[in-house]
Amino acid sequence: MLTRRTLLAFPLLGLAPAATAAAAGEPVRGMTVSCPTWGWEWGSDAMVEAIADLHGLGVNWIAIHPYARIAQDGSVQWRDLDPANPPVWLRRPIEACAARGMKLLVKPHLAYWGSGFSWRGEIEFAEPTVRRRFFAQYGEWVEQLAKCSAGAGALSVATELGGVRDEPAWRGVIARVRDVFDGPLTAAVNWDRYAAVPWWDAVDAVGVQAYFPLLPSMPASGVPPDDALVQGWRSIHAELKAVHESTGKPVVFTELGYNRSRHAPVKPWDYEQGGDDAEAVQAACLRVALRELEREPWLAGAFLWKWFPGPVGRENFLMSTQAMRGVIRGAWGP
């Protein structure tokens, strides 16, 4: 029997009935598999092994984030994409996910390093000519990416580009992608900007980069009590629910993660690591977030940030440590 949660989650999952367990209304339990280079790793044996490993933890969706490069003049550059012969770094993870009854979210990222922009949310183009150049080239890139992503479960049309405000232009990008991609669409908008998006009606789910601060400050010592973290999430969910109700769309966390940092509940986006009880604080934040996520029927689920195919060195926001594996398995495992 379809539950209320099923009816909300199903449009995002975009699966044919009886195709997988997710078709029965299972919430999105996703993991972003990142890359230390430009993304060739997504076509490797290590990627297939990572998908199998994550499947064993209860993950049913994988996200990857193909790159293009942005410049101050609005130009966008990317590696050649041939829809007649999709690159192995797209084709192989789609096939590996399908083989295990999982789905892939394709979530394009603009590489801003070296551009003069400090992060994607700072990207904006006041000059109309520059803005038109950006949307023409960005739209072409995302359309090509969509054409090469046949078989993927869903596609995001943007990641953290809330500073680029041009409603007609964004609707144009979405229309281009709709013409060539059969699956559900979303957009990954930063936690402090998602409520101001005027074109949520054009996509299938409200996507949020969920680095919400849970506490105004940390206690002097120790791990914050669960009750304090729960209270933070309850107020956040109230704001999210208002957007869900105004748009009629389910909400999905396109990224949800915490650094191994004592200050993770206060600044979840911060790359600084360490401090007393850092690993325990990270684990507590994720444990409470996943538990609270399951309480809300209008929340379709989350993509955790992040995992890597193969061995990694010192990295931020790792979900593959033993402590974080335990949290994920405890929340999502069979």
C-alpha atoms as a PDB file:
ATOM      1  CA  MET A   1       0.000   0.000   0.000  1.00  0.00           C
ATOM      2  CA  LEU A   2       1.296   3.462  -0.859  1.00  0.00           C
ATOM      3  CA  THR A   3       1.877   5.579   2.206  1.00  0.00           C
ATOM      4  CA  ARG A   4       1.946   9.364   2.359  1.00  0.00           C
ATOM      5  CA  ARG A   5       5.735   9.156   2.279  1.00  0.00           C
ATOM      6  CA  THR A   6       5.576   6.945  -0.812  1.00  0.00           C
ATOM      7  CA  LEU A   7       3.487   9.431  -2.736  1.00  0.00           C
ATOM      8  CA  LEU A   8       5.923  12.241  -2.019  1.00  0.00           C
ATOM      9  CA  ALA A   9       9.098  10.273  -2.603  1.00  0.00           C
ATOM     10  CA  PHE A  10       7.968   8.462  -5.745  1.00  0.00           C
ATOM     11  CA  PRO A  11       8.085  11.449  -8.158  1.00  0.00           C
ATOM     12  CA  LEU A  12      11.732  12.067  -7.262  1.00  0.00           C
ATOM     13  CA  LEU A  13      12.682   8.419  -7.499  1.00  0.00           C
ATOM     14  CA  GLY A  14      11.267   8.297 -11.018  1.00  0.00           C
ATOM     15  CA  LEU A  15      11.238   4.508 -11.142  1.00  0.00           C
ATOM     16  CA  ALA A  16       8.930   2.191 -13.030  1.00  0.00           C
ATOM     17  CA  PRO A  17       6.690   0.190 -10.661  1.00  0.00           C
ATOM     18  CA  ALA A  18       8.364  -2.953  -9.318  1.00  0.00           C
ATOM     19  CA  ALA A  19      11.734  -1.966 -10.817  1.00  0.00           C
ATOM     20  CA  THR A  20      13.492  -1.956  -7.434  1.00  0.00           C
ATOM     21  CA  ALA A  21      12.738  -1.712  -3.746  1.00  0.00           C
ATOM     22  CA  ALA A  22      12.864   2.066  -4.126  1.00  0.00           C
ATOM     23  CA  ALA A  23       9.818   1.898  -6.377  1.00  0.00           C
ATOM     24  CA  ALA A  24       7.829   0.775  -3.356  1.00  0.00           C
ATOM     25  CA  GLY A  25       8.336   4.208  -1.848  1.00  0.00           C
ATOM     26  CA  GLU A  26      11.670   3.787  -0.106  1.00  0.00           C
ATOM     27  CA  PRO A  27      13.112   7.217   0.739  1.00  0.00           C
ATOM     28  CA  VAL A  28      16.228   8.467  -1.018  1.00  0.00           C
ATOM     29  CA  ARG A  29      19.238   7.194   0.931  1.00  0.00           C
ATOM     30  CA  GLY A  30      22.000   8.618  -1.168  1.00  0.00           C
ATOM     31  CA  MET A  31      25.749   9.140  -1.102  1.00  0.00           C
ATOM     32  CA  THR A  32      27.803  11.525  -3.212  1.00  0.00           C
ATOM     33  CA  VAL A  33      30.875   9.773  -4.553  1.00  0.00           C
ATOM     34  CA  SER A  34      33.404  12.506  -5.208  1.00  0.00           C
ATOM     35  CA  CYS A  35      36.741  12.476  -7.020  1.00  0.00           C
ATOM     36  CA  PRO A  36      40.248  13.776  -6.304  1.00  0.00           C
ATOM     37  CA  THR A  37      40.713  14.863  -9.959  1.00  0.00           C
ATOM     38  CA  TRP A  38      38.253  15.793 -12.722  1.00  0.00           C
ATOM     39  CA  GLY A  39      36.071  12.674 -12.512  1.00  0.00           C
ATOM     40  CA  TRP A  40      37.674   9.884 -14.528  1.00  0.00           C
ATOM     41  CA  GLU A  41      37.506   7.839 -11.300  1.00  0.00           C
ATOM     42  CA  TRP A  42      33.744   7.403 -11.756  1.00  0.00           C
ATOM     43  CA  GLY A  43      34.501   5.044 -14.642  1.00  0.00           C
ATOM     44  CA  SER A  44      37.001   2.934 -12.698  1.00  0.00           C
ATOM     45  CA  ASP A  45      36.862  -0.480 -11.041  1.00  0.00           C
ATOM     46  CA  ALA A  46      37.226   1.343  -7.707  1.00  0.00           C
ATOM     47  CA  MET A  47      33.938   3.136  -8.413  1.00  0.00           C
ATOM     48  CA  VAL A  48      32.129  -0.156  -8.995  1.00  0.00           C
ATOM     49  CA  GLU A  49      33.592  -1.461  -5.726  1.00  0.00           C
ATOM     50  CA  ALA A  50      32.497   1.708  -3.901  1.00  0.00           C
ATOM     51  CA  ILE A  51      28.933   1.306  -5.186  1.00  0.00           C
ATOM     52  CA  ALA A  52      28.882  -2.290  -3.929  1.00  0.00           C
ATOM     53  CA  ASP A  53      30.258  -1.189  -0.549  1.00  0.00           C
ATOM     54  CA  LEU A  54      27.643   1.544  -0.213  1.00  0.00           C
ATOM     55  CA  HIS A  55      24.847  -0.797  -1.252  1.00  0.00           C
ATOM     56  CA  GLY A  56      25.828  -2.978   1.696  1.00  0.00           C
ATOM     57  CA  LEU A  57      25.328   0.014   4.031  1.00  0.00           C
ATOM     58  CA  GLY A  58      21.770   0.539   2.788  1.00  0.00           C
ATOM     59  CA  VAL A  59      22.486   3.290   0.218  1.00  0.00           C
ATOM     60  CA  ASN A  60      20.049   3.200  -2.717  1.00  0.00           C
ATOM     61  CA  TRP A  61      21.161   6.299  -4.664  1.00  0.00           C
ATOM     62  CA  ILE A  62      24.598   7.519  -5.764  1.00  0.00           C
ATOM     63  CA  ALA A  63      25.386  11.087  -6.852  1.00  0.00           C
ATOM     64  CA  ILE A  64      28.313  12.225  -8.984  1.00  0.00           C
ATOM     65  CA  HIS A  65      29.217  15.807  -9.835  1.00  0.00           C
ATOM     66  CA  PRO A  66      30.686  16.352 -13.327  1.00  0.00           C
ATOM     67  CA  TYR A  67      32.766  19.501 -13.687  1.00  0.00           C
ATOM     68  CA  ALA A  68      32.898  22.442 -16.064  1.00  0.00           C
ATOM     69  CA  ARG A  69      35.069  25.508 -15.507  1.00  0.00           C
ATOM     70  CA  ILE A  70      33.658  29.019 -14.993  1.00  0.00           C
ATOM     71  CA  ALA A  71      35.394  32.327 -15.784  1.00  0.00           C
ATOM     72  CA  GLN A  72      34.724  35.925 -14.786  1.00  0.00           C
ATOM     73  CA  ASP A  73      33.528  36.731 -18.316  1.00  0.00           C
ATOM     74  CA  GLY A  74      30.741  34.183 -17.985  1.00  0.00           C
ATOM     75  CA  SER A  75      32.314  31.614 -20.273  1.00  0.00           C
ATOM     76  CA  VAL A  76      31.967  27.925 -19.403  1.00  0.00           C
ATOM     77  CA  GLN A  77      34.437  25.275 -20.553  1.00  0.00           C
ATOM     78  CA  TRP A  78      34.036  21.499 -20.366  1.00  0.00           C
ATOM     79  CA  ARG A  79      35.406  18.257 -21.759  1.00  0.00           C
ATOM     80  CA  ASP A  80      33.835  17.064 -24.997  1.00  0.00           C
ATOM     81  CA  LEU A  81      30.645  15.062 -24.563  1.00  0.00           C
ATOM     82  CA  ASP A  82      29.288  12.834 -27.325  1.00  0.00           C
ATOM     83  CA  PRO A  83      25.718  11.608 -26.703  1.00  0.00           C
ATOM     84  CA  ALA A  84      26.244   8.871 -29.300  1.00  0.00           C
ATOM     85  CA  ASN A  85      29.157   7.561 -27.241  1.00  0.00           C
ATOM     86  CA  PRO A  86      28.743   8.708 -23.616  1.00  0.00           C
ATOM     87  CA  PRO A  87      31.973   8.815 -21.615  1.00  0.00           C
ATOM     88  CA  VAL A  88      32.783   5.805 -19.471  1.00  0.00           C
ATOM     89  CA  TRP A  89      32.781   7.957 -16.313  1.00  0.00           C
ATOM     90  CA  LEU A  90      29.035   8.489 -16.879  1.00  0.00           C
ATOM     91  CA  ARG A  91      28.050   5.208 -18.492  1.00  0.00           C
ATOM     92  CA  ARG A  92      29.751   2.862 -16.038  1.00  0.00           C
ATOM     93  CA  PRO A  93      28.316   4.224 -12.752  1.00  0.00           C
ATOM     94  CA  ILE A  94      24.812   4.302 -14.293  1.00  0.00           C
ATOM     95  CA  GLU A  95      25.185   0.641 -15.247  1.00  0.00           C
ATOM     96  CA  ALA A  96      26.784  -0.351 -11.925  1.00  0.00           C
ATOM     97  CA  CYS A  97      23.959   1.274  -9.986  1.00  0.00           C
ATOM     98  CA  ALA A  98      21.298  -0.355 -12.153  1.00  0.00           C
ATOM     99  CA  ALA A  99      22.902  -3.771 -11.621  1.00  0.00           C
ATOM    100  CA  ARG A 100      22.267  -3.424  -7.874  1.00  0.00           C
ATOM    101  CA  GLY A 101      18.801  -1.874  -8.110  1.00  0.00           C
ATOM    102  CA  MET A 102      20.181   1.598  -7.321  1.00  0.00           C
ATOM    103  CA  LYS A 103      19.917   4.920  -9.136  1.00  0.00           C
ATOM    104  CA  LEU A 104      22.345   7.690 -10.062  1.00  0.00           C
ATOM    105  CA  LEU A 105      21.868  11.453  -9.629  1.00  0.00           C
ATOM    106  CA  VAL A 106      23.957  13.554 -12.023  1.00  0.00           C
ATOM    107  CA  LYS A 107      24.715  16.832 -10.278  1.00  0.00           C
ATOM    108  CA  PRO A 108      26.852  19.259 -12.322  1.00  0.00           C
ATOM    109  CA  HIS A 109      29.359  21.453 -10.480  1.00  0.00           C
ATOM    110  CA  LEU A 110      31.138  24.546 -11.749  1.00  0.00           C
ATOM    111  CA  ALA A 111      34.839  24.499 -10.892  1.00  0.00           C
ATOM    112  CA  TYR A 112      35.418  28.026  -9.563  1.00  0.00           C
ATOM    113  CA  TRP A 113      39.011  27.696  -8.312  1.00  0.00           C
ATOM    114  CA  GLY A 114      41.285  30.103 -10.164  1.00  0.00           C
ATOM    115  CA  SER A 115      38.281  32.063 -11.465  1.00  0.00           C
ATOM    116  CA  GLY A 116      38.287  34.862  -8.895  1.00  0.00           C
ATOM    117  CA  PHE A 117      35.045  33.594  -7.335  1.00  0.00           C
ATOM    118  CA  SER A 118      35.518  32.364  -3.754  1.00  0.00           C
ATOM    119  CA  TRP A 119      32.758  29.747  -4.081  1.00  0.00           C
ATOM    120  CA  ARG A 120      29.830  28.918  -6.368  1.00  0.00           C
ATOM    121  CA  GLY A 121      27.400  31.024  -4.380  1.00  0.00           C
ATOM    122  CA  GLU A 122      29.459  34.115  -5.206  1.00  0.00           C
ATOM    123  CA  ILE A 123      29.067  33.632  -8.957  1.00  0.00           C
ATOM    124  CA  GLU A 124      26.928  36.395 -10.426  1.00  0.00           C
ATOM    125  CA  PHE A 125      26.990  38.495 -13.589  1.00  0.00           C
ATOM    126  CA  ALA A 126      25.636  42.023 -13.410  1.00  0.00           C
ATOM    127  CA  GLU A 127      26.481  42.814 -17.029  1.00  0.00           C
ATOM    128  CA  PRO A 128      23.656  41.542 -19.300  1.00  0.00           C
ATOM    129  CA  THR A 129      26.043  40.507 -22.088  1.00  0.00           C
ATOM    130  CA  VAL A 130      28.118  38.434 -19.687  1.00  0.00           C
ATOM    131  CA  ARG A 131      25.009  36.877 -18.155  1.00  0.00           C
ATOM    132  CA  ARG A 132      23.663  35.942 -21.595  1.00  0.00           C
ATOM    133  CA  ARG A 133      27.005  34.347 -22.469  1.00  0.00           C
ATOM    134  CA  PHE A 134      26.912  32.359 -19.249  1.00  0.00           C
ATOM    135  CA  PHE A 135      23.411  30.992 -19.757  1.00  0.00           C
ATOM    136  CA  ALA A 136      24.042  30.141 -23.421  1.00  0.00           C
ATOM    137  CA  GLN A 137      27.182  28.151 -22.622  1.00  0.00           C
ATOM    138  CA  TYR A 138      26.016  26.722 -19.298  1.00  0.00           C
ATOM    139  CA  GLY A 139      22.753  25.603 -20.888  1.00  0.00           C
ATOM    140  CA  GLU A 140      24.647  23.903 -23.708  1.00  0.00           C
ATOM    141  CA  TRP A 141      26.864  22.045 -21.218  1.00  0.00           C
ATOM    142  CA  VAL A 142      24.011  20.813 -19.038  1.00  0.00           C
ATOM    143  CA  GLU A 143      22.001  19.798 -22.114  1.00  0.00           C
ATOM    144  CA  GLN A 144      24.939  17.756 -23.432  1.00  0.00           C
ATOM    145  CA  LEU A 145      25.401  16.207 -20.002  1.00  0.00           C
ATOM    146  CA  ALA A 146      21.712  15.299 -19.888  1.00  0.00           C
ATOM    147  CA  LYS A 147      21.884  13.689 -23.339  1.00  0.00           C
ATOM    148  CA  CYS A 148      24.812  11.560 -22.153  1.00  0.00           C
ATOM    149  CA  SER A 149      23.020  10.539 -18.947  1.00  0.00           C
ATOM    150  CA  ALA A 150      20.355   8.244 -20.367  1.00  0.00           C
ATOM    151  CA  GLY A 151      19.458   5.709 -17.706  1.00  0.00           C
ATOM    152  CA  ALA A 152      20.360   7.968 -14.797  1.00  0.00           C
ATOM    153  CA  GLY A 153      17.710   8.272 -12.108  1.00  0.00           C
ATOM    154  CA  ALA A 154      17.633  12.061 -11.869  1.00  0.00           C
ATOM    155  CA  LEU A 155      19.544  15.182 -12.805  1.00  0.00           C
ATOM    156  CA  SER A 156      20.205  18.465 -11.030  1.00  0.00           C
ATOM    157  CA  VAL A 157      20.217  21.514 -13.300  1.00  0.00           C
ATOM    158  CA  ALA A 158      22.524  23.534 -11.012  1.00  0.00           C
ATOM    159  CA  THR A 159      24.570  23.414  -7.829  1.00  0.00           C
ATOM    160  CA  GLU A 160      24.898  26.409  -5.464  1.00  0.00           C
ATOM    161  CA  LEU A 161      24.244  29.011  -8.168  1.00  0.00           C
ATOM    162  CA  GLY A 162      21.765  31.083  -6.173  1.00  0.00           C
ATOM    163  CA  GLY A 163      23.700  34.251  -6.943  1.00  0.00           C
ATOM    164  CA  VAL A 164      22.866  33.991 -10.651  1.00  0.00           C
ATOM    165  CA  ARG A 165      19.354  35.443 -10.584  1.00  0.00           C
ATOM    166  CA  ASP A 166      17.528  35.340 -13.892  1.00  0.00           C
ATOM    167  CA  GLU A 167      14.240  33.473 -13.731  1.00  0.00           C
ATOM    168  CA  PRO A 168      13.511  33.333 -17.498  1.00  0.00           C
ATOM    169  CA  ALA A 169      17.039  32.126 -18.209  1.00  0.00           C
ATOM    170  CA  TRP A 170      16.828  29.356 -15.615  1.00  0.00           C
ATOM    171  CA  ARG A 171      13.463  28.271 -16.976  1.00  0.00           C
ATOM    172  CA  GLY A 172      15.125  28.105 -20.375  1.00  0.00           C
ATOM    173  CA  VAL A 173      17.895  25.844 -19.075  1.00  0.00           C
ATOM    174  CA  ILE A 174      15.329  23.569 -17.436  1.00  0.00           C
ATOM    175  CA  ALA A 175      13.301  23.380 -20.655  1.00  0.00           C
ATOM    176  CA  ARG A 176      16.412  22.390 -22.636  1.00  0.00           C
ATOM    177  CA  VAL A 177      17.112  19.575 -20.203  1.00  0.00           C
ATOM    178  CA  ARG A 178      13.454  18.411 -20.176  1.00  0.00           C
ATOM    179  CA  ASP A 179      13.599  18.004 -23.930  1.00  0.00           C
ATOM    180  CA  VAL A 180      16.447  15.481 -23.764  1.00  0.00           C
ATOM    181  CA  PHE A 181      16.222  13.791 -20.331  1.00  0.00           C
ATOM    182  CA  ASP A 182      13.327  11.587 -19.232  1.00  0.00           C
ATOM    183  CA  GLY A 183      14.015  11.478 -15.496  1.00  0.00           C
ATOM    184  CA  PRO A 184      13.102  13.828 -12.633  1.00  0.00           C
ATOM    185  CA  LEU A 185      14.896  17.154 -12.261  1.00  0.00           C
ATOM    186  CA  THR A 186      15.952  19.165  -9.252  1.00  0.00           C
ATOM    187  CA  ALA A 187      18.418  21.939  -8.414  1.00  0.00           C
ATOM    188  CA  ALA A 188      20.893  21.971  -5.520  1.00  0.00           C
ATOM    189  CA  VAL A 189      20.375  25.373  -3.866  1.00  0.00           C
ATOM    190  CA  ASN A 190      22.288  26.474  -0.787  1.00  0.00           C
ATOM    191  CA  TRP A 191      20.576  26.250   2.614  1.00  0.00           C
ATOM    192  CA  ASP A 192      20.339  30.041   2.961  1.00  0.00           C
ATOM    193  CA  ARG A 193      18.836  30.688  -0.505  1.00  0.00           C
ATOM    194  CA  TYR A 194      16.422  27.883  -1.350  1.00  0.00           C
ATOM    195  CA  ALA A 195      13.344  29.794  -0.124  1.00  0.00           C
ATOM    196  CA  ALA A 196      13.929  32.622  -2.634  1.00  0.00           C
ATOM    197  CA  VAL A 197      13.923  30.464  -5.802  1.00  0.00           C
ATOM    198  CA  PRO A 198      10.972  31.524  -8.013  1.00  0.00           C
ATOM    199  CA  TRP A 199      11.062  28.581 -10.433  1.00  0.00           C
ATOM    200  CA  TRP A 200      10.632  25.510  -8.207  1.00  0.00           C
ATOM    201  CA  ASP A 201       7.432  24.777 -10.146  1.00  0.00           C
ATOM    202  CA  ALA A 202       9.587  23.911 -13.178  1.00  0.00           C
ATOM    203  CA  VAL A 203      11.427  21.020 -11.480  1.00  0.00           C
ATOM    204  CA  ASP A 204      10.268  17.902  -9.641  1.00  0.00           C
ATOM    205  CA  ALA A 205      11.805  18.398  -6.211  1.00  0.00           C
ATOM    206  CA  VAL A 206      13.197  21.245  -4.106  1.00  0.00           C
ATOM    207  CA  GLY A 207      16.897  20.444  -3.727  1.00  0.00           C
ATOM    208  CA  VAL A 208      18.754  21.878  -0.739  1.00  0.00           C
ATOM    209  CA  GLN A 209      22.433  21.867   0.178  1.00  0.00           C
ATOM    210  CA  ALA A 210      21.637  21.173   3.815  1.00  0.00           C
ATOM    211  CA  TYR A 211      24.546  22.727   5.724  1.00  0.00           C
ATOM    212  CA  PHE A 212      22.209  24.312   8.238  1.00  0.00           C
ATOM    213  CA  PRO A 213      23.751  25.461  11.532  1.00  0.00           C
ATOM    214  CA  LEU A 214      22.124  23.454  14.311  1.00  0.00           C
ATOM    215  CA  LEU A 215      23.463  25.383  17.300  1.00  0.00           C
ATOM    216  CA  PRO A 216      24.367  29.058  17.859  1.00  0.00           C
ATOM    217  CA  SER A 217      27.475  27.975  19.804  1.00  0.00           C
ATOM    218  CA  MET A 218      29.121  24.878  21.212  1.00  0.00           C
ATOM    219  CA  PRO A 219      29.051  23.821  24.844  1.00  0.00           C
ATOM    220  CA  ALA A 220      32.289  24.415  26.734  1.00  0.00           C
ATOM    221  CA  SER A 221      33.144  20.721  26.547  1.00  0.00           C
ATOM    222  CA  GLY A 222      31.792  17.396  25.409  1.00  0.00           C
ATOM    223  CA  VAL A 223      29.372  16.384  22.657  1.00  0.00           C
ATOM    224  CA  PRO A 224      26.141  18.428  22.377  1.00  0.00           C
ATOM    225  CA  PRO A 225      23.146  16.477  23.680  1.00  0.00           C
ATOM    226  CA  ASP A 226      20.828  14.981  21.091  1.00  0.00           C
ATOM    227  CA  ASP A 227      17.964  17.133  22.375  1.00  0.00           C
ATOM    228  CA  ALA A 228      19.804  20.321  21.378  1.00  0.00           C
ATOM    229  CA  LEU A 229      20.522  19.003  17.888  1.00  0.00           C
ATOM    230  CA  VAL A 230      16.923  17.826  17.503  1.00  0.00           C
ATOM    231  CA  GLN A 231      15.646  21.274  18.458  1.00  0.00           C
ATOM    232  CA  GLY A 232      17.845  22.797  15.766  1.00  0.00           C
ATOM    233  CA  TRP A 233      16.442  20.449  13.144  1.00  0.00           C
ATOM    234  CA  ARG A 234      12.827  20.958  14.187  1.00  0.00           C
ATOM    235  CA  SER A 235      13.037  24.714  13.512  1.00  0.00           C
ATOM    236  CA  ILE A 236      14.789  24.089  10.198  1.00  0.00           C
ATOM    237  CA  HIS A 237      12.142  21.576   9.153  1.00  0.00           C
ATOM    238  CA  ALA A 238       9.414  24.108   9.863  1.00  0.00           C
ATOM    239  CA  GLU A 239      10.979  26.494   7.338  1.00  0.00           C
ATOM    240  CA  LEU A 240      11.508  23.719   4.801  1.00  0.00           C
ATOM    241  CA  LYS A 241       7.944  22.526   5.186  1.00  0.00           C
ATOM    242  CA  ALA A 242       6.653  26.004   4.368  1.00  0.00           C
ATOM    243  CA  VAL A 243       8.484  25.859   1.018  1.00  0.00           C
ATOM    244  CA  HIS A 244       7.204  22.339   0.394  1.00  0.00           C
ATOM    245  CA  GLU A 245       3.639  23.505   1.024  1.00  0.00           C
ATOM    246  CA  SER A 246       3.958  26.608  -1.137  1.00  0.00           C
ATOM    247  CA  THR A 247       5.472  24.692  -4.069  1.00  0.00           C
ATOM    248  CA  GLY A 248       3.757  21.326  -3.691  1.00  0.00           C
ATOM    249  CA  LYS A 249       7.148  19.678  -4.264  1.00  0.00           C
ATOM    250  CA  PRO A 250       8.984  17.151  -2.105  1.00  0.00           C
ATOM    251  CA  VAL A 251      12.260  18.343  -0.600  1.00  0.00           C
ATOM    252  CA  VAL A 252      15.508  16.407  -1.028  1.00  0.00           C
ATOM    253  CA  PHE A 253      18.824  17.214   0.619  1.00  0.00           C
ATOM    254  CA  THR A 254      21.188  17.229  -2.362  1.00  0.00           C
ATOM    255  CA  GLU A 255      24.049  17.399   0.136  1.00  0.00           C
ATOM    256  CA  LEU A 256      24.077  16.624   3.846  1.00  0.00           C
ATOM    257  CA  GLY A 257      27.357  16.247   5.673  1.00  0.00           C
ATOM    258  CA  TYR A 258      29.539  17.192   8.614  1.00  0.00           C
ATOM    259  CA  ASN A 259      33.255  17.612   8.887  1.00  0.00           C
ATOM    260  CA  ARG A 260      35.178  15.766  11.581  1.00  0.00           C
ATOM    261  CA  SER A 261      35.239  18.945  13.645  1.00  0.00           C
ATOM    262  CA  ARG A 262      34.186  20.026  17.099  1.00  0.00           C
ATOM    263  CA  HIS A 263      32.404  22.965  15.461  1.00  0.00           C
ATOM    264  CA  ALA A 264      30.370  20.903  12.976  1.00  0.00           C
ATOM    265  CA  PRO A 265      26.972  21.759  14.582  1.00  0.00           C
ATOM    266  CA  VAL A 266      27.729  25.505  14.400  1.00  0.00           C
ATOM    267  CA  LYS A 267      29.440  25.714  10.993  1.00  0.00           C
ATOM    268  CA  PRO A 268      28.626  22.548   9.047  1.00  0.00           C
ATOM    269  CA  TRP A 269      30.106  24.032   5.864  1.00  0.00           C
ATOM    270  CA  ASP A 270      33.527  24.788   7.420  1.00  0.00           C
ATOM    271  CA  TYR A 271      36.565  22.858   6.163  1.00  0.00           C
ATOM    272  CA  GLU A 272      38.469  23.186   9.446  1.00  0.00           C
ATOM    273  CA  GLN A 273      38.939  19.798  11.131  1.00  0.00           C
ATOM    274  CA  GLY A 274      39.799  18.668  14.630  1.00  0.00           C
ATOM    275  CA  GLY A 275      39.205  19.746  18.192  1.00  0.00           C
ATOM    276  CA  ASP A 276      38.133  17.805  21.270  1.00  0.00           C
ATOM    277  CA  ASP A 277      35.635  15.022  20.575  1.00  0.00           C
ATOM    278  CA  ALA A 278      35.647  15.890  16.854  1.00  0.00           C
ATOM    279  CA  GLU A 279      34.766  12.391  15.636  1.00  0.00           C
ATOM    280  CA  ALA A 280      32.034  11.958  18.245  1.00  0.00           C
ATOM    281  CA  VAL A 281      30.542  15.366  17.379  1.00  0.00           C
ATOM    282  CA  GLN A 282      30.527  14.516  13.662  1.00  0.00           C
ATOM    283  CA  ALA A 283      28.833  11.182  14.328  1.00  0.00           C
ATOM    284  CA  ALA A 284      26.219  12.744  16.632  1.00  0.00           C
ATOM    285  CA  CYS A 285      25.316  15.373  14.026  1.00  0.00           C
ATOM    286  CA  LEU A 286      24.774  12.805  11.297  1.00  0.00           C
ATOM    287  CA  ARG A 287      22.927  10.342  13.547  1.00  0.00           C
ATOM    288  CA  VAL A 288      20.412  12.975  14.642  1.00  0.00           C
ATOM    289  CA  ALA A 289      20.056  14.393  11.114  1.00  0.00           C
ATOM    290  CA  LEU A 290      19.200  10.976   9.648  1.00  0.00           C
ATOM    291  CA  ARG A 291      16.778  10.175  12.440  1.00  0.00           C
ATOM    292  CA  GLU A 292      14.975  13.504  12.053  1.00  0.00           C
ATOM    293  CA  LEU A 293      14.932  13.135   8.284  1.00  0.00           C
ATOM    294  CA  GLU A 294      12.887   9.955   8.543  1.00  0.00           C
ATOM    295  CA  ARG A 295      10.216  11.727  10.615  1.00  0.00           C
ATOM    296  CA  GLU A 296       9.103  14.076   7.842  1.00  0.00           C
ATOM    297  CA  PRO A 297       6.942  12.553   5.058  1.00  0.00           C
ATOM    298  CA  TRP A 298       7.554  15.499   2.702  1.00  0.00           C
ATOM    299  CA  LEU A 299      11.341  15.007   2.860  1.00  0.00           C
ATOM    300  CA  ALA A 300      12.221  12.619   0.055  1.00  0.00           C
ATOM    301  CA  GLY A 301      15.661  11.875   1.547  1.00  0.00           C
ATOM    302  CA  ALA A 302      19.285  12.950   1.377  1.00  0.00           C
ATOM    303  CA  PHE A 303      22.571  12.551  -0.447  1.00  0.00           C
ATOM    304  CA  LEU A 304      25.406  12.413   2.078  1.00  0.00           C
ATOM    305  CA  TRP A 305      28.635  14.279   1.415  1.00  0.00           C
ATOM    306  CA  LYS A 306      30.977  12.478   0.716  1.00  0.00           C
ATOM    307  CA  TRP A 307      32.736   9.231  -0.288  1.00  0.00           C
ATOM    308  CA  PHE A 308      35.630   8.445  -2.626  1.00  0.00           C
ATOM    309  CA  PRO A 309      36.343   5.499  -4.938  1.00  0.00           C
ATOM    310  CA  GLY A 310      39.501   3.784  -3.733  1.00  0.00           C
ATOM    311  CA  PRO A 311      41.874   4.867  -0.968  1.00  0.00           C
ATOM    312  CA  VAL A 312      42.014   8.535   0.051  1.00  0.00           C
ATOM    313  CA  GLY A 313      44.421  10.625   2.048  1.00  0.00           C
ATOM    314  CA  ARG A 314      43.496  13.537   4.268  1.00  0.00           C
ATOM    315  CA  GLU A 315      40.036  14.671   3.158  1.00  0.00           C
ATOM    316  CA  ASN A 316      37.198  16.648   4.653  1.00  0.00           C
ATOM    317  CA  PHE A 317      33.630  15.462   5.309  1.00  0.00           C
ATOM    318  CA  LEU A 318      34.500  11.780   4.930  1.00  0.00           C
ATOM    319  CA  MET A 319      31.632   9.344   5.381  1.00  0.00           C
ATOM    320  CA  SER A 320      33.880   6.272   4.980  1.00  0.00           C
ATOM    321  CA  THR A 321      35.469   6.232   8.446  1.00  0.00           C
ATOM    322  CA  GLN A 322      34.474   3.390  10.738  1.00  0.00           C
ATOM    323  CA  ALA A 323      32.498   5.759  12.963  1.00  0.00           C
ATOM    324  CA  MET A 324      30.470   7.188  10.070  1.00  0.00           C
ATOM    325  CA  ARG A 325      29.939   3.784   8.490  1.00  0.00           C
ATOM    326  CA  GLY A 326      28.422   2.720  11.772  1.00  0.00           C
ATOM    327  CA  VAL A 327      26.019   5.683  11.798  1.00  0.00           C
ATOM    328  CA  ILE A 328      24.948   5.055   8.192  1.00  0.00           C
ATOM    329  CA  ARG A 329      24.496   1.335   8.697  1.00  0.00           C
ATOM    330  CA  GLY A 330      22.533   1.976  11.876  1.00  0.00           C
ATOM    331  CA  ALA A 331      20.158   4.355  10.086  1.00  0.00           C
ATOM    332  CA  TRP A 332      19.901   2.752   6.650  1.00  0.00           C
ATOM    333  CA  GLY A 333      21.314  -0.751   6.828  1.00  0.00           C
ATOM    334  CA  PRO A 334      19.273  -3.884   6.162  1.00  0.00           C
END
